[in-house]
Amino acid sequence: GAVRPCNIQAHGKPRVVSPVRTAPKGWRSDKRRFVINMRFVNKFVPDSESTCELDTLSRIRGMFQAHGTPDNRVWGFTMDLASGYHNFRINDNQLELMGIAVHVAELRDHAISWLRSNPAAIGCEDKASGLFYFTVVALPFGLGPSCAVFSDIVTALAAVWRRHSVCLRPVRIASYIDDFCVVSESVPASLISAIELVYEATVAGLSLNV
């Protein structure tokens, strides 16, 4: 749902169309990440909109310390979002700037067959140029402010969850882009925190890697 086909026959092409490529999703990963070259759009975005400050280990190391626990250890779990940026939608009035196009030569046969036969994709192909047109409706990799917007939302969520009390203790949580780390002083508190946070993240509409 992060990308939807454009019906260019009915509505015309997007006002701005950006090139697309894929890149490895991580070190030693065979998965690919969809990367959009949005340099043209980014030229019109102030640098201040793209600046974000992420937590570092030196800033959060205190949460890993055992504060008088019986066995002098802490317990924790991690939680990360599936397709992190794609959890958040682009405002409808900005969608005309979120166009992308993929050439038929870059698509596999089954993808071309799907696009040509699926009712939701009818009208997205420009046969003269061989391009299929789409609109990105969620935060894309390649848009300058994406990381800052995403981090602002996730940091706010972590701040809310920090106000929780589990087993009479505050929740110790840190976030780094789409990853969360939660530390507790006992196994029961860690399990309760995991259940509560997974539930609340799901209710908030976030997609999790379980």
Protein backbone atom coordinates (compact mmCIF):
# COMPACT_ATOMS: atom_id res chain seq x y z
CA GLY A 1 0.00 0.00 0.00
CA ALA A 2 2.98 2.36 0.04
CA VAL A 3 2.89 2.75 -3.74
CA ARG A 4 -0.18 2.90 -5.94
CA PRO A 5 -0.54 2.90 -9.73
CA CYS A 6 -1.47 6.17 -11.45
CA ASN A 7 -4.33 6.20 -13.92
CA ILE A 8 -2.59 8.53 -16.35
CA GLN A 9 -5.32 8.04 -18.94
CA ALA A 10 -7.90 9.51 -16.58
CA HIS A 11 -5.87 11.94 -14.45
CA GLY A 12 -2.64 12.61 -16.36
CA LYS A 13 0.91 12.07 -15.14
CA PRO A 14 2.12 13.27 -11.71
CA ARG A 15 3.50 16.81 -11.64
CA VAL A 16 6.93 15.48 -10.59
CA VAL A 17 8.26 12.05 -11.56
CA SER A 18 11.44 10.78 -9.85
CA PRO A 19 13.79 7.97 -10.98
CA VAL A 20 13.81 4.69 -9.04
CA ARG A 21 16.37 2.01 -8.18
CA THR A 22 16.78 -0.72 -5.59
CA ALA A 23 19.62 -1.17 -3.10
CA PRO A 24 20.59 -3.92 -0.62
CA LYS A 25 18.46 -3.66 2.52
CA GLY A 26 21.39 -4.27 4.84
CA TRP A 27 24.78 -5.86 5.27
CA ARG A 28 24.73 -9.46 4.00
CA SER A 29 21.00 -9.16 3.22
CA ASP A 30 19.52 -10.58 0.03
CA LYS A 31 16.51 -8.27 0.32
CA ARG A 32 16.28 -5.07 -1.70
CA ARG A 33 15.16 -1.62 -0.59
CA PHE A 34 13.16 0.63 -2.91
CA VAL A 35 15.14 3.90 -3.29
CA ILE A 36 13.75 6.94 -5.08
CA ASN A 37 16.07 9.63 -6.40
CA MET A 38 14.18 12.72 -5.20
CA ARG A 39 17.00 15.25 -5.66
CA PHE A 40 14.75 17.53 -7.69
CA VAL A 41 12.12 17.70 -4.93
CA ASN A 42 14.78 17.95 -2.22
CA LYS A 43 16.18 21.12 -3.85
CA PHE A 44 13.04 22.93 -2.68
CA VAL A 45 13.13 21.61 0.90
CA PRO A 46 15.07 23.68 3.50
CA ASP A 47 17.97 21.80 5.11
CA SER A 48 16.39 22.42 8.52
CA GLU A 49 13.46 20.18 7.54
CA SER A 50 15.82 17.25 6.95
CA THR A 51 17.86 17.51 10.15
CA CYS A 52 17.26 14.91 12.85
CA GLU A 53 19.14 13.89 15.99
CA LEU A 54 19.25 10.21 16.89
CA ASP A 55 20.01 8.66 20.27
CA THR A 56 23.51 7.26 20.68
CA LEU A 57 24.71 4.50 23.00
CA SER A 58 26.54 7.08 25.11
CA ARG A 59 23.26 8.93 25.71
CA ILE A 60 21.19 5.89 26.68
CA ARG A 61 23.79 3.72 28.46
CA GLY A 62 22.23 4.55 31.84
CA MET A 63 19.09 2.56 31.02
CA PHE A 64 21.16 -0.64 30.84
CA GLN A 65 22.47 -0.31 34.39
CA ALA A 66 21.09 -2.59 37.09
CA HIS A 67 19.73 -0.25 39.76
CA GLY A 68 19.72 -2.44 42.86
CA THR A 69 18.08 -5.44 41.23
CA PRO A 70 18.28 -8.68 43.27
CA ASP A 71 20.61 -10.50 40.88
CA ASN A 72 22.35 -7.37 39.59
CA ARG A 73 21.17 -7.78 36.00
CA VAL A 74 18.56 -6.31 33.67
CA TRP A 75 16.26 -7.96 31.14
CA GLY A 76 15.10 -6.56 27.89
CA PHE A 77 13.61 -7.01 24.47
CA THR A 78 13.75 -5.27 21.11
CA MET A 79 10.95 -4.39 18.74
CA ASP A 80 11.20 -3.06 15.22
CA LEU A 81 8.73 -1.76 12.68
CA ALA A 82 8.12 -3.56 9.40
CA SER A 83 8.94 -1.29 6.42
CA GLY A 84 9.49 1.52 8.92
CA TYR A 85 8.94 4.64 6.81
CA HIS A 86 5.93 3.13 5.08
CA ASN A 87 3.92 3.21 8.31
CA PHE A 88 3.24 6.93 7.75
CA ARG A 89 1.28 8.48 4.90
CA ILE A 90 2.10 11.49 2.73
CA ASN A 91 -0.43 14.31 2.94
CA ASP A 92 -2.86 14.13 0.00
CA ASN A 93 -2.01 17.63 -1.21
CA GLN A 94 1.64 16.59 -1.67
CA LEU A 95 1.00 13.46 -3.73
CA GLU A 96 1.46 15.27 -7.06
CA LEU A 97 5.17 15.57 -6.13
CA MET A 98 5.48 11.85 -5.32
CA GLY A 99 5.38 10.37 -8.83
CA ILE A 100 7.75 7.61 -9.96
CA ALA A 101 8.08 5.73 -13.24
CA VAL A 102 9.48 2.28 -14.01
CA HIS A 103 10.37 1.13 -17.53
CA VAL A 104 8.90 -2.12 -18.81
CA ALA A 105 12.46 -3.45 -19.32
CA GLU A 106 13.09 -3.18 -15.55
CA LEU A 107 10.08 -5.29 -14.58
CA ARG A 108 9.74 -9.05 -14.41
CA ASP A 109 7.20 -10.79 -16.61
CA HIS A 110 4.82 -11.63 -13.77
CA ALA A 111 4.83 -7.99 -12.63
CA ILE A 112 4.01 -6.76 -16.13
CA SER A 113 1.18 -9.31 -16.41
CA TRP A 114 -0.20 -8.22 -13.05
CA LEU A 115 -0.09 -4.51 -13.94
CA ARG A 116 -1.82 -5.09 -17.28
CA SER A 117 -4.57 -7.32 -15.89
CA ASN A 118 -5.30 -5.92 -12.41
CA PRO A 119 -8.22 -3.42 -12.36
CA ALA A 120 -6.42 -1.27 -9.76
CA ALA A 121 -3.48 -0.76 -12.15
CA ILE A 122 -5.32 -0.13 -15.40
CA GLY A 123 -4.25 3.12 -17.02
CA CYS A 124 -0.80 3.35 -15.41
CA GLU A 125 1.09 2.27 -18.55
CA ASP A 126 2.27 4.72 -21.20
CA LYS A 127 2.83 2.35 -24.11
CA ALA A 128 4.57 5.00 -26.22
CA SER A 129 7.42 5.36 -23.72
CA GLY A 130 7.21 1.91 -22.12
CA LEU A 131 6.86 3.49 -18.67
CA PHE A 132 4.52 2.49 -15.84
CA TYR A 133 3.60 5.42 -13.56
CA PHE A 134 2.97 5.24 -9.82
CA THR A 135 2.44 7.52 -6.84
CA VAL A 136 4.28 6.98 -3.56
CA VAL A 137 1.71 7.52 -0.78
CA ALA A 138 3.96 6.76 2.23
CA LEU A 139 7.23 8.30 3.41
CA PRO A 140 9.82 7.27 0.79
CA PHE A 141 13.53 6.55 1.03
CA GLY A 142 15.04 9.41 -0.94
CA LEU A 143 12.90 12.30 0.32
CA GLY A 144 15.07 14.60 2.46
CA PRO A 145 12.71 15.07 5.45
CA SER A 146 11.62 11.41 5.67
CA CYS A 147 14.07 10.44 8.43
CA ALA A 148 13.33 13.59 10.46
CA VAL A 149 9.55 13.16 10.20
CA PHE A 150 9.75 9.48 11.03
CA SER A 151 12.10 10.06 13.97
CA ASP A 152 9.88 12.82 15.39
CA ILE A 153 6.86 10.49 15.45
CA VAL A 154 8.76 7.51 16.87
CA THR A 155 10.46 9.66 19.52
CA ALA A 156 7.06 10.98 20.60
CA LEU A 157 5.73 7.42 20.89
CA ALA A 158 8.73 6.39 23.00
CA ALA A 159 8.17 9.41 25.26
CA VAL A 160 4.54 8.34 25.83
CA TRP A 161 5.55 4.75 26.56
CA ARG A 162 8.20 5.98 29.01
CA ARG A 163 5.40 7.32 31.22
CA HIS A 164 4.05 3.80 31.73
CA SER A 165 4.60 2.00 35.00
CA VAL A 166 5.18 -1.76 34.91
CA CYS A 167 5.60 -3.65 38.20
CA LEU A 168 5.78 -0.26 39.95
CA ARG A 169 8.75 0.78 37.81
CA PRO A 170 8.87 3.23 34.87
CA VAL A 171 9.45 1.71 31.44
CA ARG A 172 13.01 2.26 30.19
CA ILE A 173 12.82 2.55 26.40
CA ALA A 174 15.01 4.00 23.66
CA SER A 175 14.36 4.29 19.92
CA TYR A 176 16.73 4.39 16.97
CA ILE A 177 14.94 5.04 13.68
CA ASP A 178 12.53 2.04 13.48
CA ASP A 179 14.04 -0.01 16.32
CA PHE A 180 13.03 0.05 19.99
CA CYS A 181 14.92 -1.36 22.96
CA VAL A 182 13.17 -1.83 26.30
CA VAL A 183 14.93 -2.72 29.56
CA SER A 184 13.30 -4.02 32.73
CA GLU A 185 14.53 -5.18 36.13
CA SER A 186 12.89 -8.61 36.08
CA VAL A 187 11.66 -11.24 33.65
CA PRO A 188 7.94 -10.68 34.54
CA ALA A 189 8.30 -6.91 34.03
CA SER A 190 10.01 -7.47 30.68
CA LEU A 191 7.25 -9.82 29.50
CA ILE A 192 4.50 -7.43 30.62
CA SER A 193 6.26 -4.52 28.89
CA ALA A 194 6.58 -6.55 25.68
CA ILE A 195 2.89 -7.46 25.67
CA GLU A 196 1.76 -3.88 26.41
CA LEU A 197 4.02 -2.21 23.85
CA VAL A 198 3.27 -4.66 21.05
CA TYR A 199 -0.44 -4.15 21.77
CA GLU A 200 -0.18 -0.36 21.84
CA ALA A 201 1.97 -0.21 18.71
CA THR A 202 -0.57 -2.35 16.90
CA VAL A 203 -3.50 -0.22 18.10
CA ALA A 204 -1.58 2.85 16.88
CA GLY A 205 -1.63 1.31 13.39
CA LEU A 206 2.06 0.39 13.21
CA SER A 207 3.26 -2.76 11.41
CA LEU A 208 5.71 -4.80 13.49
CA ASN A 209 8.26 -7.48 12.65
CA VAL A 210 7.21 -10.18 15.11
